[in-house]
Structure formats: structure tokens, C-alpha cells
Amino acid sequence: LTDRICSLPEASHCHRVVELKQKIQRLAQSECEKAELEHSLRERIKELNCLYGIAQLVENAGNSLDELLQGTVELLPASWHYPDITCARICFESKEYLTDNFQLSAWQQNAVIMATGRQAGRVEVFYLEEMPILDEGPFLKEERWLINAIGERLGRIAERIQAQRQLEAERTALKDMNVALREVLATVQDEKREVGRRVQKNIDNVIMPI
């Protein structure tokens, strides 16, 4: 009985040690989850900054598609997981828009740009070095969502800009037609007046003496 009584504090101590270890493990797990959450939030902020930057470009560029696409391609590297080794290219119609450090590499993520019901171009992001495998090669699944969203948004913007250009061209053509029509009408009026003068002259010279 005495041995059992003496062993109670030791058993209690062991139990407390186990509880403390469990608390430490839970705390470490919580810190790890917190760090992962903070990292995820930072990545999402970068993605939102990219989309917001494109919206600002649309507002500032007006109908300049070249300015919009070049500005967009320069926004892309900072929005990916490894911005220091990221380069980008946007191909649209027959033109290319590149970052200053652009190089082709084996580690690529891309999305199409659809405009007016057809593939008008593509958005491409490259890593210049091999990186650990994540969701899609070295790329995150959220980056797949982001590049798809960028391709879709650029397609809609390009359609709108092209439609505005077409409308402006039609307005200019209509204005030119109106000017030409007024000139034709003025010429017709001049010819009618000239014919009237000739008729009146013939009346004065031929019919009135008779």
C-alpha cells in the first residue's frame, strides 16, 4: 500500500507531461496552420492585386489594346508563387507582348484568349528554373484559376475595344458619307439653278420677242 501511495505523484507527473506534450503538439499544429493560412492569404492578395491592376489598365488605356496587353503582361510575374524567376508573354492576333526577362522554358502555364467566338490569343507564364511539384507541375491550382480568369477577361475587353473601334469607324464612314451627300446635293442644286438660268435666257431671247 505504501508503494502504491508513493507512486501516485510520479503517475500524476507522467500524466501531466503527456498532457503538456499534447498541448505543445496542438500549439505547433496551430502555428503551422496559421502560417499556411497567412501564406495562402498573401497569395490570394497577389491574385486580387493582379485583377485590380488589369481593371486600372482598362480605365487608363481607353481603346489602346497594345497598352492594355503590355501593361497586363508586366503585372503577371508578381502574381505568381516565385516572382523572381517568373516571366510572361501574351500573344494576341499577330502581336506578342513580353516581360523584359522573357525566355522560353519547360515550366509553363497558359490559358487561351477567346474573342468574337474564336481563339484570338493566349496568356503564358514561365518559370525560369525548376521548382518543386505542386498542383499543376510547379504551379498552384489557384494560379490556374487566375490565368484562366485573366484570359477570359482579356477576351471580353478585347471584344469591347474592337467593337468600339468598329463603331467609331462606322461613325466616321457615316460622317464622310453625309459630307459627300451634302456636296452632291449642293452640286445638284447648282446644276438646277444653272439649268433654270439657261431656260430663262432662252425664254427671254427667243419666246419673249415672238
N, C-alpha and C. Protein backbone atom coordinates (compact mmCIF):
# COMPACT_ATOMS: atom_id res chain seq x y z
N LEU A 1 0.83 -1.20 0.00
CA LEU A 1 0.00 0.00 0.00
C LEU A 1 0.87 1.25 0.00
N THR A 2 1.92 1.22 0.83
CA THR A 2 2.84 2.37 0.87
C THR A 2 3.49 2.62 -0.48
N ASP A 3 3.91 1.55 -1.16
CA ASP A 3 4.50 1.69 -2.51
C ASP A 3 3.51 2.32 -3.48
N ARG A 4 2.26 1.88 -3.38
CA ARG A 4 1.25 2.43 -4.28
C ARG A 4 1.03 3.90 -4.00
N ILE A 5 0.98 4.29 -2.74
CA ILE A 5 0.78 5.70 -2.38
C ILE A 5 1.95 6.54 -2.87
N CYS A 6 3.17 6.02 -2.72
CA CYS A 6 4.37 6.75 -3.14
C CYS A 6 4.44 6.91 -4.66
N SER A 7 3.85 5.98 -5.36
CA SER A 7 3.93 6.05 -6.82
C SER A 7 2.90 6.98 -7.42
N LEU A 8 1.95 7.44 -6.61
CA LEU A 8 0.90 8.30 -7.16
C LEU A 8 1.43 9.62 -7.69
N PRO A 9 2.30 10.34 -6.96
CA PRO A 9 2.83 11.59 -7.51
C PRO A 9 3.56 11.38 -8.83
N GLU A 10 4.31 10.29 -8.94
CA GLU A 10 5.04 10.02 -10.19
C GLU A 10 4.07 9.80 -11.34
N ALA A 11 3.00 9.03 -11.09
CA ALA A 11 1.99 8.78 -12.13
C ALA A 11 1.33 10.09 -12.54
N SER A 12 1.03 10.92 -11.54
CA SER A 12 0.42 12.21 -11.83
C SER A 12 1.36 13.09 -12.65
N HIS A 13 2.62 13.02 -12.31
CA HIS A 13 3.63 13.80 -13.04
C HIS A 13 3.71 13.33 -14.50
N CYS A 14 3.72 12.03 -14.71
CA CYS A 14 3.77 11.48 -16.07
C CYS A 14 2.55 11.91 -16.88
N HIS A 15 1.41 11.89 -16.21
CA HIS A 15 0.18 12.29 -16.88
C HIS A 15 0.24 13.76 -17.30
N ARG A 16 0.78 14.59 -16.41
CA ARG A 16 0.91 16.00 -16.74
C ARG A 16 1.90 16.22 -17.89
N VAL A 17 2.96 15.43 -17.91
CA VAL A 17 3.94 15.52 -19.00
C VAL A 17 3.28 15.18 -20.33
N VAL A 18 2.47 14.12 -20.33
CA VAL A 18 1.76 13.73 -21.55
C VAL A 18 0.83 14.83 -22.01
N GLU A 19 0.07 15.39 -21.05
CA GLU A 19 -0.84 16.48 -21.39
C GLU A 19 -0.09 17.67 -21.96
N LEU A 20 1.07 17.97 -21.35
CA LEU A 20 1.86 19.10 -21.83
C LEU A 20 2.37 18.85 -23.24
N LYS A 21 2.83 17.63 -23.51
CA LYS A 21 3.28 17.29 -24.86
C LYS A 21 2.16 17.44 -25.86
N GLN A 22 0.96 17.01 -25.50
CA GLN A 22 -0.18 17.12 -26.40
C GLN A 22 -0.52 18.58 -26.68
N LYS A 23 -0.44 19.41 -25.60
CA LYS A 23 -0.69 20.83 -25.80
C LYS A 23 0.33 21.45 -26.74
N ILE A 24 1.61 21.06 -26.54
CA ILE A 24 2.66 21.58 -27.41
C ILE A 24 2.43 21.16 -28.85
N GLN A 25 2.03 19.90 -29.06
CA GLN A 25 1.76 19.41 -30.40
C GLN A 25 0.60 20.18 -31.04
N ARG A 26 -0.46 20.40 -30.22
CA ARG A 26 -1.60 21.15 -30.75
C ARG A 26 -1.21 22.58 -31.09
N LEU A 27 -0.38 23.17 -30.22
CA LEU A 27 0.09 24.53 -30.47
C LEU A 27 0.94 24.60 -31.72
N ALA A 28 1.83 23.62 -31.87
CA ALA A 28 2.68 23.59 -33.07
C ALA A 28 1.84 23.41 -34.32
N GLN A 29 0.84 22.53 -34.23
CA GLN A 29 -0.04 22.32 -35.36
C GLN A 29 -0.82 23.60 -35.68
N SER A 30 -1.26 24.26 -34.61
CA SER A 30 -1.99 25.51 -34.80
C SER A 30 -1.10 26.57 -35.45
N GLU A 31 0.15 26.66 -35.02
CA GLU A 31 1.09 27.62 -35.61
C GLU A 31 1.35 27.29 -37.07
N CYS A 32 1.46 25.99 -37.35
CA CYS A 32 1.69 25.56 -38.73
C CYS A 32 0.48 25.93 -39.61
N GLU A 33 -0.70 25.66 -39.10
CA GLU A 33 -1.92 26.00 -39.84
C GLU A 33 -2.03 27.51 -40.02
N LYS A 34 -1.64 28.25 -38.98
CA LYS A 34 -1.67 29.70 -39.07
C LYS A 34 -0.71 30.20 -40.14
N ALA A 35 0.49 29.62 -40.19
CA ALA A 35 1.48 30.01 -41.20
C ALA A 35 0.98 29.69 -42.60
N GLU A 36 0.36 28.51 -42.76
CA GLU A 36 -0.19 28.13 -44.06
C GLU A 36 -1.31 29.08 -44.47
N LEU A 37 -2.15 29.44 -43.51
CA LEU A 37 -3.24 30.36 -43.80
C LEU A 37 -2.71 31.73 -44.21
N GLU A 38 -1.70 32.21 -43.49
CA GLU A 38 -1.11 33.51 -43.83
C GLU A 38 -0.50 33.47 -45.22
N HIS A 39 0.19 32.37 -45.53
CA HIS A 39 0.78 32.23 -46.86
C HIS A 39 -0.31 32.21 -47.94
N SER A 40 -1.36 31.47 -47.69
CA SER A 40 -2.47 31.40 -48.65
C SER A 40 -3.10 32.77 -48.85
N LEU A 41 -3.27 33.51 -47.77
CA LEU A 41 -3.85 34.84 -47.87
C LEU A 41 -2.95 35.77 -48.68
N ARG A 42 -1.64 35.68 -48.47
CA ARG A 42 -0.72 36.52 -49.24
C ARG A 42 -0.82 36.21 -50.73
N GLU A 43 -0.95 34.91 -51.06
CA GLU A 43 -1.08 34.53 -52.46
C GLU A 43 -2.37 35.07 -53.06
N ARG A 44 -3.46 34.99 -52.28
CA ARG A 44 -4.75 35.49 -52.79
C ARG A 44 -4.70 37.00 -52.97
N ILE A 45 -4.00 37.69 -52.08
CA ILE A 45 -3.87 39.15 -52.21
C ILE A 45 -3.13 39.49 -53.50
N LYS A 46 -2.08 38.72 -53.83
CA LYS A 46 -1.35 38.96 -55.08
C LYS A 46 -2.27 38.77 -56.28
N GLU A 47 -3.11 37.74 -56.24
CA GLU A 47 -4.03 37.49 -57.35
C GLU A 47 -5.04 38.63 -57.49
N LEU A 48 -5.58 39.08 -56.37
CA LEU A 48 -6.54 40.18 -56.41
C LEU A 48 -5.87 41.47 -56.90
N ASN A 49 -4.62 41.70 -56.49
CA ASN A 49 -3.89 42.87 -56.97
C ASN A 49 -3.71 42.83 -58.49
N CYS A 50 -3.48 41.64 -59.01
CA CYS A 50 -3.33 41.48 -60.46
C CYS A 50 -4.62 41.85 -61.18
N LEU A 51 -5.74 41.31 -60.72
CA LEU A 51 -7.02 41.61 -61.36
C LEU A 51 -7.39 43.08 -61.21
N TYR A 52 -7.08 43.66 -60.04
CA TYR A 52 -7.34 45.08 -59.84
C TYR A 52 -6.45 45.92 -60.76
N GLY A 53 -5.19 45.49 -60.93
CA GLY A 53 -4.29 46.21 -61.82
C GLY A 53 -4.79 46.19 -63.26
N ILE A 54 -5.35 45.06 -63.69
CA ILE A 54 -5.91 44.99 -65.05
C ILE A 54 -7.09 45.95 -65.18
N ALA A 55 -7.93 46.01 -64.14
CA ALA A 55 -9.07 46.93 -64.17
C ALA A 55 -8.59 48.38 -64.31
N GLN A 56 -7.51 48.73 -63.61
CA GLN A 56 -6.96 50.08 -63.72
C GLN A 56 -6.41 50.34 -65.11
N LEU A 57 -5.76 49.32 -65.69
CA LEU A 57 -5.23 49.47 -67.05
C LEU A 57 -6.35 49.73 -68.05
N VAL A 58 -7.45 49.01 -67.88
CA VAL A 58 -8.60 49.20 -68.78
C VAL A 58 -9.09 50.64 -68.69
N GLU A 59 -9.13 51.16 -67.47
CA GLU A 59 -9.62 52.53 -67.28
C GLU A 59 -8.66 53.55 -67.88
N ASN A 60 -7.35 53.31 -67.74
CA ASN A 60 -6.37 54.28 -68.21
C ASN A 60 -6.03 54.15 -69.68
N ALA A 61 -6.09 52.92 -70.20
CA ALA A 61 -5.66 52.68 -71.58
C ALA A 61 -6.72 53.09 -72.60
N GLY A 62 -7.97 53.20 -72.16
CA GLY A 62 -9.02 53.54 -73.11
C GLY A 62 -9.18 52.48 -74.16
N ASN A 63 -9.05 52.87 -75.43
CA ASN A 63 -9.19 51.92 -76.53
C ASN A 63 -7.85 51.42 -77.06
N SER A 64 -6.77 51.64 -76.31
CA SER A 64 -5.46 51.18 -76.74
C SER A 64 -5.24 49.74 -76.28
N LEU A 65 -5.46 48.79 -77.18
CA LEU A 65 -5.29 47.38 -76.85
C LEU A 65 -3.82 47.05 -76.61
N ASP A 66 -2.93 47.69 -77.34
CA ASP A 66 -1.49 47.45 -77.16
C ASP A 66 -1.05 47.84 -75.74
N GLU A 67 -1.50 49.00 -75.30
CA GLU A 67 -1.12 49.47 -73.96
C GLU A 67 -1.70 48.55 -72.89
N LEU A 68 -2.91 48.10 -73.09
CA LEU A 68 -3.55 47.21 -72.12
C LEU A 68 -2.80 45.89 -72.00
N LEU A 69 -2.47 45.27 -73.13
CA LEU A 69 -1.84 43.95 -73.10
C LEU A 69 -0.41 44.02 -72.59
N GLN A 70 0.33 45.06 -72.96
CA GLN A 70 1.69 45.19 -72.44
C GLN A 70 1.68 45.45 -70.95
N GLY A 71 0.75 46.27 -70.48
CA GLY A 71 0.63 46.51 -69.06
C GLY A 71 0.25 45.26 -68.29
N THR A 72 -0.63 44.45 -68.88
CA THR A 72 -1.06 43.21 -68.23
C THR A 72 0.08 42.22 -68.10
N VAL A 73 0.86 42.06 -69.16
CA VAL A 73 1.94 41.07 -69.12
C VAL A 73 2.98 41.46 -68.07
N GLU A 74 3.15 42.75 -67.82
CA GLU A 74 4.10 43.19 -66.80
C GLU A 74 3.57 42.96 -65.38
N LEU A 75 2.25 42.82 -65.24
CA LEU A 75 1.67 42.54 -63.93
C LEU A 75 1.81 41.07 -63.52
N LEU A 76 1.95 40.18 -64.48
CA LEU A 76 1.83 38.75 -64.20
C LEU A 76 2.90 38.18 -63.27
N PRO A 77 4.20 38.43 -63.48
CA PRO A 77 5.20 37.76 -62.63
C PRO A 77 4.97 37.96 -61.13
N ALA A 78 4.64 39.16 -60.71
CA ALA A 78 4.47 39.44 -59.28
C ALA A 78 3.28 38.69 -58.69
N SER A 79 2.41 38.16 -59.53
CA SER A 79 1.21 37.48 -59.05
C SER A 79 1.41 35.97 -58.92
N TRP A 80 2.56 35.47 -59.32
CA TRP A 80 2.82 34.03 -59.23
C TRP A 80 3.68 33.71 -58.01
N HIS A 81 3.80 32.41 -57.72
CA HIS A 81 4.39 31.95 -56.46
C HIS A 81 5.88 32.31 -56.34
N TYR A 82 6.59 32.30 -57.46
CA TYR A 82 8.02 32.60 -57.46
C TYR A 82 8.28 33.78 -58.41
N PRO A 83 7.95 35.00 -58.01
CA PRO A 83 8.03 36.15 -58.92
C PRO A 83 9.44 36.42 -59.44
N ASP A 84 10.48 36.09 -58.67
CA ASP A 84 11.85 36.40 -59.09
C ASP A 84 12.31 35.58 -60.28
N ILE A 85 11.68 34.44 -60.51
CA ILE A 85 12.09 33.58 -61.63
C ILE A 85 10.94 33.39 -62.62
N THR A 86 10.01 34.35 -62.63
CA THR A 86 8.83 34.25 -63.49
C THR A 86 8.92 35.25 -64.63
N CYS A 87 8.57 34.81 -65.82
CA CYS A 87 8.43 35.71 -66.96
C CYS A 87 7.10 35.39 -67.65
N ALA A 88 6.66 36.26 -68.55
CA ALA A 88 5.34 36.08 -69.13
C ALA A 88 5.30 36.60 -70.56
N ARG A 89 4.31 36.07 -71.30
CA ARG A 89 4.09 36.52 -72.67
C ARG A 89 2.59 36.47 -72.96
N ILE A 90 2.11 37.48 -73.67
CA ILE A 90 0.73 37.46 -74.18
C ILE A 90 0.81 37.54 -75.69
N CYS A 91 0.22 36.57 -76.34
CA CYS A 91 0.11 36.58 -77.80
C CYS A 91 -1.33 36.92 -78.16
N PHE A 92 -1.52 37.92 -79.01
CA PHE A 92 -2.87 38.30 -79.43
C PHE A 92 -2.83 38.68 -80.89
N GLU A 93 -3.68 37.99 -81.67
CA GLU A 93 -3.66 38.16 -83.11
C GLU A 93 -2.23 37.90 -83.61
N SER A 94 -1.61 38.85 -84.25
CA SER A 94 -0.26 38.62 -84.79
C SER A 94 0.83 39.28 -83.95
N LYS A 95 0.49 39.77 -82.75
CA LYS A 95 1.45 40.50 -81.94
C LYS A 95 1.81 39.73 -80.68
N GLU A 96 3.01 40.04 -80.13
CA GLU A 96 3.46 39.47 -78.87
C GLU A 96 3.79 40.59 -77.90
N TYR A 97 3.48 40.35 -76.63
CA TYR A 97 3.77 41.31 -75.56
C TYR A 97 4.55 40.54 -74.49
N LEU A 98 5.77 41.01 -74.17
CA LEU A 98 6.70 40.23 -73.35
C LEU A 98 7.16 41.02 -72.14
N THR A 99 7.52 40.28 -71.07
CA THR A 99 8.26 40.91 -69.97
C THR A 99 9.72 41.06 -70.39
N ASP A 100 10.43 41.94 -69.70
CA ASP A 100 11.83 42.22 -70.08
C ASP A 100 12.71 40.97 -69.96
N ASN A 101 12.39 40.09 -69.02
CA ASN A 101 13.23 38.90 -68.78
C ASN A 101 12.70 37.66 -69.49
N PHE A 102 11.90 37.85 -70.52
CA PHE A 102 11.22 36.70 -71.12
C PHE A 102 12.19 35.70 -71.74
N GLN A 103 11.97 34.43 -71.40
CA GLN A 103 12.66 33.30 -72.03
C GLN A 103 11.70 32.12 -72.06
N LEU A 104 11.79 31.34 -73.12
CA LEU A 104 11.02 30.10 -73.16
C LEU A 104 11.65 29.09 -72.21
N SER A 105 10.82 28.31 -71.54
CA SER A 105 11.32 27.27 -70.65
C SER A 105 10.35 26.10 -70.65
N ALA A 106 10.76 25.02 -69.99
CA ALA A 106 9.91 23.82 -69.94
C ALA A 106 8.78 23.93 -68.92
N TRP A 107 8.86 24.94 -68.04
CA TRP A 107 7.86 25.05 -66.95
C TRP A 107 6.91 26.18 -67.31
N GLN A 108 5.79 25.79 -67.88
CA GLN A 108 4.88 26.76 -68.48
C GLN A 108 3.44 26.52 -68.02
N GLN A 109 2.72 27.61 -67.86
CA GLN A 109 1.28 27.56 -67.61
C GLN A 109 0.63 28.56 -68.57
N ASN A 110 -0.44 28.16 -69.24
CA ASN A 110 -1.03 29.06 -70.22
C ASN A 110 -2.55 28.92 -70.24
N ALA A 111 -3.18 29.92 -70.82
CA ALA A 111 -4.64 29.93 -70.99
C ALA A 111 -4.96 30.65 -72.29
N VAL A 112 -6.03 30.26 -72.95
CA VAL A 112 -6.40 30.86 -74.22
C VAL A 112 -7.16 32.16 -73.99
N ILE A 113 -7.12 33.02 -75.00
CA ILE A 113 -7.93 34.25 -75.03
C ILE A 113 -8.95 34.07 -76.14
N MET A 114 -10.21 33.98 -75.77
CA MET A 114 -11.29 33.83 -76.74
C MET A 114 -11.92 35.19 -76.99
N ALA A 115 -12.03 35.56 -78.26
CA ALA A 115 -12.67 36.83 -78.62
C ALA A 115 -13.47 36.63 -79.90
N THR A 116 -14.67 37.14 -79.90
CA THR A 116 -15.59 37.01 -81.04
C THR A 116 -15.77 35.55 -81.44
N GLY A 117 -15.86 34.68 -80.45
CA GLY A 117 -16.14 33.28 -80.71
C GLY A 117 -15.00 32.46 -81.25
N ARG A 118 -13.78 32.95 -81.17
CA ARG A 118 -12.63 32.20 -81.68
C ARG A 118 -11.43 32.43 -80.78
N GLN A 119 -10.42 31.57 -80.92
CA GLN A 119 -9.20 31.74 -80.14
C GLN A 119 -8.35 32.83 -80.78
N ALA A 120 -8.28 33.96 -80.11
CA ALA A 120 -7.55 35.11 -80.65
C ALA A 120 -6.13 35.21 -80.11
N GLY A 121 -5.83 34.48 -79.03
CA GLY A 121 -4.50 34.56 -78.45
C GLY A 121 -4.38 33.69 -77.23
N ARG A 122 -3.33 33.92 -76.44
CA ARG A 122 -3.11 33.14 -75.22
C ARG A 122 -2.24 33.93 -74.24
N VAL A 123 -2.39 33.58 -72.98
CA VAL A 123 -1.57 34.13 -71.90
C VAL A 123 -0.63 33.02 -71.44
N GLU A 124 0.66 33.32 -71.31
CA GLU A 124 1.64 32.31 -70.93
C GLU A 124 2.51 32.82 -69.78
N VAL A 125 2.73 31.96 -68.80
CA VAL A 125 3.63 32.25 -67.68
C VAL A 125 4.68 31.15 -67.63
N PHE A 126 5.95 31.53 -67.47
CA PHE A 126 7.05 30.58 -67.45
C PHE A 126 7.86 30.75 -66.17
N TYR A 127 8.32 29.62 -65.61
CA TYR A 127 9.35 29.66 -64.56
C TYR A 127 10.69 29.42 -65.24
N LEU A 128 11.68 30.21 -64.88
CA LEU A 128 13.00 30.10 -65.50
C LEU A 128 13.87 29.04 -64.84
N GLU A 129 13.41 28.49 -63.71
CA GLU A 129 14.15 27.43 -63.02
C GLU A 129 13.17 26.34 -62.60
N GLU A 130 13.68 25.14 -62.43
CA GLU A 130 12.85 24.03 -61.98
C GLU A 130 12.52 24.22 -60.50
N MET A 131 11.24 24.08 -60.17
CA MET A 131 10.78 24.26 -58.80
C MET A 131 10.02 23.00 -58.35
N PRO A 132 9.78 22.87 -57.04
CA PRO A 132 9.09 21.66 -56.54
C PRO A 132 7.71 21.48 -57.17
N ILE A 133 7.30 20.22 -57.29
CA ILE A 133 6.00 19.90 -57.85
C ILE A 133 4.90 20.32 -56.87
N LEU A 134 3.89 21.02 -57.39
CA LEU A 134 2.76 21.43 -56.56
C LEU A 134 1.48 20.84 -57.14
N ASP A 135 0.53 21.67 -57.51
CA ASP A 135 -0.76 21.17 -58.01
C ASP A 135 -0.74 20.87 -59.50
N GLU A 136 -0.12 21.77 -60.26
CA GLU A 136 -0.03 21.62 -61.72
C GLU A 136 1.43 21.84 -62.12
N GLY A 137 2.20 20.77 -62.04
CA GLY A 137 3.64 20.94 -62.18
C GLY A 137 4.12 21.79 -61.02
N PRO A 138 4.91 22.84 -61.30
CA PRO A 138 5.37 23.72 -60.21
C PRO A 138 4.36 24.82 -59.87
N PHE A 139 3.18 24.77 -60.48
CA PHE A 139 2.21 25.84 -60.30
C PHE A 139 1.09 25.43 -59.35
N LEU A 140 0.53 26.43 -58.68
CA LEU A 140 -0.58 26.21 -57.75
C LEU A 140 -1.90 26.13 -58.51
N LYS A 141 -2.88 25.44 -57.92
CA LYS A 141 -4.20 25.36 -58.56
C LYS A 141 -4.85 26.73 -58.61
N GLU A 142 -4.55 27.59 -57.63
CA GLU A 142 -5.09 28.94 -57.65
C GLU A 142 -4.52 29.75 -58.81
N GLU A 143 -3.29 29.45 -59.22
CA GLU A 143 -2.69 30.14 -60.36
C GLU A 143 -3.35 29.70 -61.66
N ARG A 144 -3.80 28.45 -61.71
CA ARG A 144 -4.58 28.00 -62.85
C ARG A 144 -5.87 28.80 -62.95
N TRP A 145 -6.54 28.98 -61.80
CA TRP A 145 -7.76 29.78 -61.80
C TRP A 145 -7.47 31.21 -62.23
N LEU A 146 -6.36 31.76 -61.75
CA LEU A 146 -6.02 33.15 -62.06
C LEU A 146 -5.73 33.33 -63.55
N ILE A 147 -4.93 32.47 -64.12
CA ILE A 147 -4.56 32.66 -65.53
C ILE A 147 -5.77 32.43 -66.44
N ASN A 148 -6.66 31.52 -66.05
CA ASN A 148 -7.90 31.35 -66.82
C ASN A 148 -8.76 32.60 -66.74
N ALA A 149 -8.85 33.18 -65.53
CA ALA A 149 -9.64 34.40 -65.35
C ALA A 149 -9.06 35.55 -66.16
N ILE A 150 -7.72 35.64 -66.20
CA ILE A 150 -7.08 36.71 -66.98
C ILE A 150 -7.36 36.53 -68.46
N GLY A 151 -7.23 35.28 -68.97
CA GLY A 151 -7.52 35.02 -70.38
C GLY A 151 -8.96 35.38 -70.74
N GLU A 152 -9.89 34.98 -69.87
CA GLU A 152 -11.30 35.28 -70.12
C GLU A 152 -11.56 36.78 -70.10
N ARG A 153 -10.97 37.46 -69.11
CA ARG A 153 -11.20 38.91 -69.00
C ARG A 153 -10.59 39.66 -70.18
N LEU A 154 -9.39 39.29 -70.59
CA LEU A 154 -8.77 39.95 -71.73
C LEU A 154 -9.58 39.74 -73.00
N GLY A 155 -10.17 38.55 -73.14
CA GLY A 155 -11.02 38.29 -74.31
C GLY A 155 -12.21 39.22 -74.34
N ARG A 156 -12.87 39.39 -73.20
CA ARG A 156 -14.04 40.28 -73.14
C ARG A 156 -13.64 41.73 -73.40
N ILE A 157 -12.51 42.14 -72.82
CA ILE A 157 -12.05 43.52 -73.02
C ILE A 157 -11.70 43.75 -74.48
N ALA A 158 -11.01 42.79 -75.09
CA ALA A 158 -10.63 42.93 -76.50
C ALA A 158 -11.87 43.03 -77.38
N GLU A 159 -12.89 42.23 -77.09
CA GLU A 159 -14.13 42.31 -77.86
C GLU A 159 -14.75 43.70 -77.74
N ARG A 160 -14.77 44.22 -76.52
CA ARG A 160 -15.37 45.54 -76.31
C ARG A 160 -14.57 46.62 -77.05
N ILE A 161 -13.24 46.56 -76.96
CA ILE A 161 -12.41 47.57 -77.63
C ILE A 161 -12.58 47.47 -79.15
N GLN A 162 -12.59 46.25 -79.66
CA GLN A 162 -12.77 46.07 -81.11
C GLN A 162 -14.14 46.55 -81.56
N ALA A 163 -15.15 46.29 -80.73
CA ALA A 163 -16.50 46.76 -81.07
C ALA A 163 -16.55 48.29 -81.08
N GLN A 164 -15.89 48.92 -80.10
CA GLN A 164 -15.86 50.38 -80.05
C GLN A 164 -15.12 50.94 -81.26
N ARG A 165 -14.02 50.29 -81.63
CA ARG A 165 -13.28 50.76 -82.81
C ARG A 165 -14.13 50.62 -84.06
N GLN A 166 -14.85 49.50 -84.19
CA GLN A 166 -15.71 49.30 -85.33
C GLN A 166 -16.81 50.35 -85.37
N LEU A 167 -17.38 50.64 -84.19
CA LEU A 167 -18.43 51.65 -84.13
C LEU A 167 -17.89 53.02 -84.52
N GLU A 168 -16.70 53.35 -84.03
CA GLU A 168 -16.10 54.63 -84.39
C GLU A 168 -15.81 54.70 -85.89
N ALA A 169 -15.34 53.58 -86.46
CA ALA A 169 -15.06 53.55 -87.90
C ALA A 169 -16.35 53.74 -88.69
N GLU A 170 -17.43 53.09 -88.23
CA GLU A 170 -18.71 53.24 -88.92
C GLU A 170 -19.24 54.66 -88.79
N ARG A 171 -19.06 55.26 -87.61
CA ARG A 171 -19.49 56.64 -87.43
C ARG A 171 -18.70 57.58 -88.35
N THR A 172 -17.39 57.34 -88.44
CA THR A 172 -16.56 58.16 -89.33
C THR A 172 -16.99 57.99 -90.77
N ALA A 173 -17.24 56.73 -91.17
CA ALA A 173 -17.68 56.47 -92.54
C ALA A 173 -19.03 57.13 -92.81
N LEU A 174 -19.94 57.05 -91.83
CA LEU A 174 -21.25 57.69 -92.00
C LEU A 174 -21.10 59.20 -92.09
N LYS A 175 -20.21 59.76 -91.28
CA LYS A 175 -19.98 61.20 -91.34
C LYS A 175 -19.44 61.60 -92.71
N ASP A 176 -18.49 60.81 -93.21
CA ASP A 176 -17.92 61.10 -94.53
C ASP A 176 -18.99 60.98 -95.61
N MET A 177 -19.87 59.97 -95.48
CA MET A 177 -20.96 59.81 -96.46
C MET A 177 -21.91 61.00 -96.42
N ASN A 178 -22.19 61.48 -95.20
CA ASN A 178 -23.07 62.64 -95.08
C ASN A 178 -22.45 63.87 -95.73
N VAL A 179 -21.14 64.05 -95.52
CA VAL A 179 -20.44 65.18 -96.15
C VAL A 179 -20.50 65.05 -97.66
N ALA A 180 -20.23 63.83 -98.16
CA ALA A 180 -20.27 63.61 -99.61
C ALA A 180 -21.67 63.84 -100.16
N LEU A 181 -22.68 63.38 -99.39
CA LEU A 181 -24.06 63.55 -99.85
C LEU A 181 -24.42 65.03 -99.90
N ARG A 182 -24.00 65.80 -98.90
CA ARG A 182 -24.28 67.24 -98.93
C ARG A 182 -23.60 67.91 -100.11
N GLU A 183 -22.38 67.44 -100.42
CA GLU A 183 -21.68 68.01 -101.57
C GLU A 183 -22.41 67.67 -102.87
N VAL A 184 -22.90 66.44 -102.97
CA VAL A 184 -23.65 66.04 -104.17
C VAL A 184 -24.92 66.86 -104.31
N LEU A 185 -25.64 67.00 -103.17
CA LEU A 185 -26.88 67.78 -103.20
C LEU A 185 -26.61 69.23 -103.59
N ALA A 186 -25.50 69.78 -103.04
CA ALA A 186 -25.16 71.16 -103.40
C ALA A 186 -24.85 71.26 -104.89
N THR A 187 -24.15 70.26 -105.42
CA THR A 187 -23.85 70.26 -106.86
C THR A 187 -25.13 70.16 -107.68
N VAL A 188 -26.06 69.29 -107.24
CA VAL A 188 -27.33 69.16 -107.96
C VAL A 188 -28.10 70.48 -107.94
N GLN A 189 -28.10 71.15 -106.77
CA GLN A 189 -28.80 72.43 -106.68
C GLN A 189 -28.16 73.45 -107.61
N ASP A 190 -26.83 73.46 -107.67
CA ASP A 190 -26.14 74.39 -108.58
C ASP A 190 -26.51 74.10 -110.02
N GLU A 191 -26.54 72.80 -110.37
CA GLU A 191 -26.89 72.44 -111.75
C GLU A 191 -28.33 72.82 -112.07
N LYS A 192 -29.25 72.65 -111.09
CA LYS A 192 -30.65 73.02 -111.31
C LYS A 192 -30.78 74.53 -111.53
N ARG A 193 -30.02 75.28 -110.72
CA ARG A 193 -30.07 76.72 -110.90
C ARG A 193 -29.51 77.14 -112.26
N GLU A 194 -28.41 76.43 -112.67
CA GLU A 194 -27.82 76.74 -113.98
C GLU A 194 -28.79 76.42 -115.11
N VAL A 195 -29.48 75.25 -114.99
CA VAL A 195 -30.48 74.89 -116.00
C VAL A 195 -31.60 75.93 -116.01
N GLY A 196 -32.03 76.37 -114.83
CA GLY A 196 -33.08 77.40 -114.76
C GLY A 196 -32.65 78.69 -115.43
N ARG A 197 -31.39 79.08 -115.22
CA ARG A 197 -30.91 80.31 -115.86
C ARG A 197 -30.90 80.18 -117.37
N ARG A 198 -30.48 79.01 -117.85
CA ARG A 198 -30.44 78.78 -119.30
C ARG A 198 -31.85 78.82 -119.90
N VAL A 199 -32.77 78.16 -119.20
CA VAL A 199 -34.15 78.16 -119.70
C VAL A 199 -34.70 79.59 -119.74
N GLN A 200 -34.46 80.34 -118.64
CA GLN A 200 -34.94 81.71 -118.61
C GLN A 200 -34.31 82.56 -119.70
N LYS A 201 -33.02 82.31 -119.97
CA LYS A 201 -32.32 83.07 -121.01
C LYS A 201 -32.92 82.77 -122.38
N ASN A 202 -33.22 81.45 -122.60
CA ASN A 202 -33.85 81.09 -123.88
C ASN A 202 -35.23 81.73 -124.01
N ILE A 203 -35.95 81.76 -122.90
CA ILE A 203 -37.27 82.40 -122.94
C ILE A 203 -37.14 83.88 -123.27
N ASP A 204 -36.19 84.52 -122.61
CA ASP A 204 -36.00 85.95 -122.86
C ASP A 204 -35.55 86.25 -124.28
N ASN A 205 -34.66 85.40 -124.81
CA ASN A 205 -34.09 85.65 -126.13
C ASN A 205 -34.96 85.18 -127.29
N VAL A 206 -35.75 84.13 -127.07
CA VAL A 206 -36.47 83.52 -128.20
C VAL A 206 -37.98 83.74 -128.07
N ILE A 207 -38.54 83.37 -126.99
CA ILE A 207 -40.01 83.37 -126.87
C ILE A 207 -40.54 84.78 -126.65
N MET A 208 -39.94 85.59 -125.79
CA MET A 208 -40.49 86.90 -125.48
C MET A 208 -40.54 87.82 -126.70
N PRO A 209 -39.49 87.82 -127.56
CA PRO A 209 -39.64 88.68 -128.78
C PRO A 209 -40.80 88.22 -129.64
N ILE A 210 -41.05 86.96 -129.78
CA ILE A 210 -42.17 86.48 -130.59
C ILE A 210 -43.49 86.93 -130.00
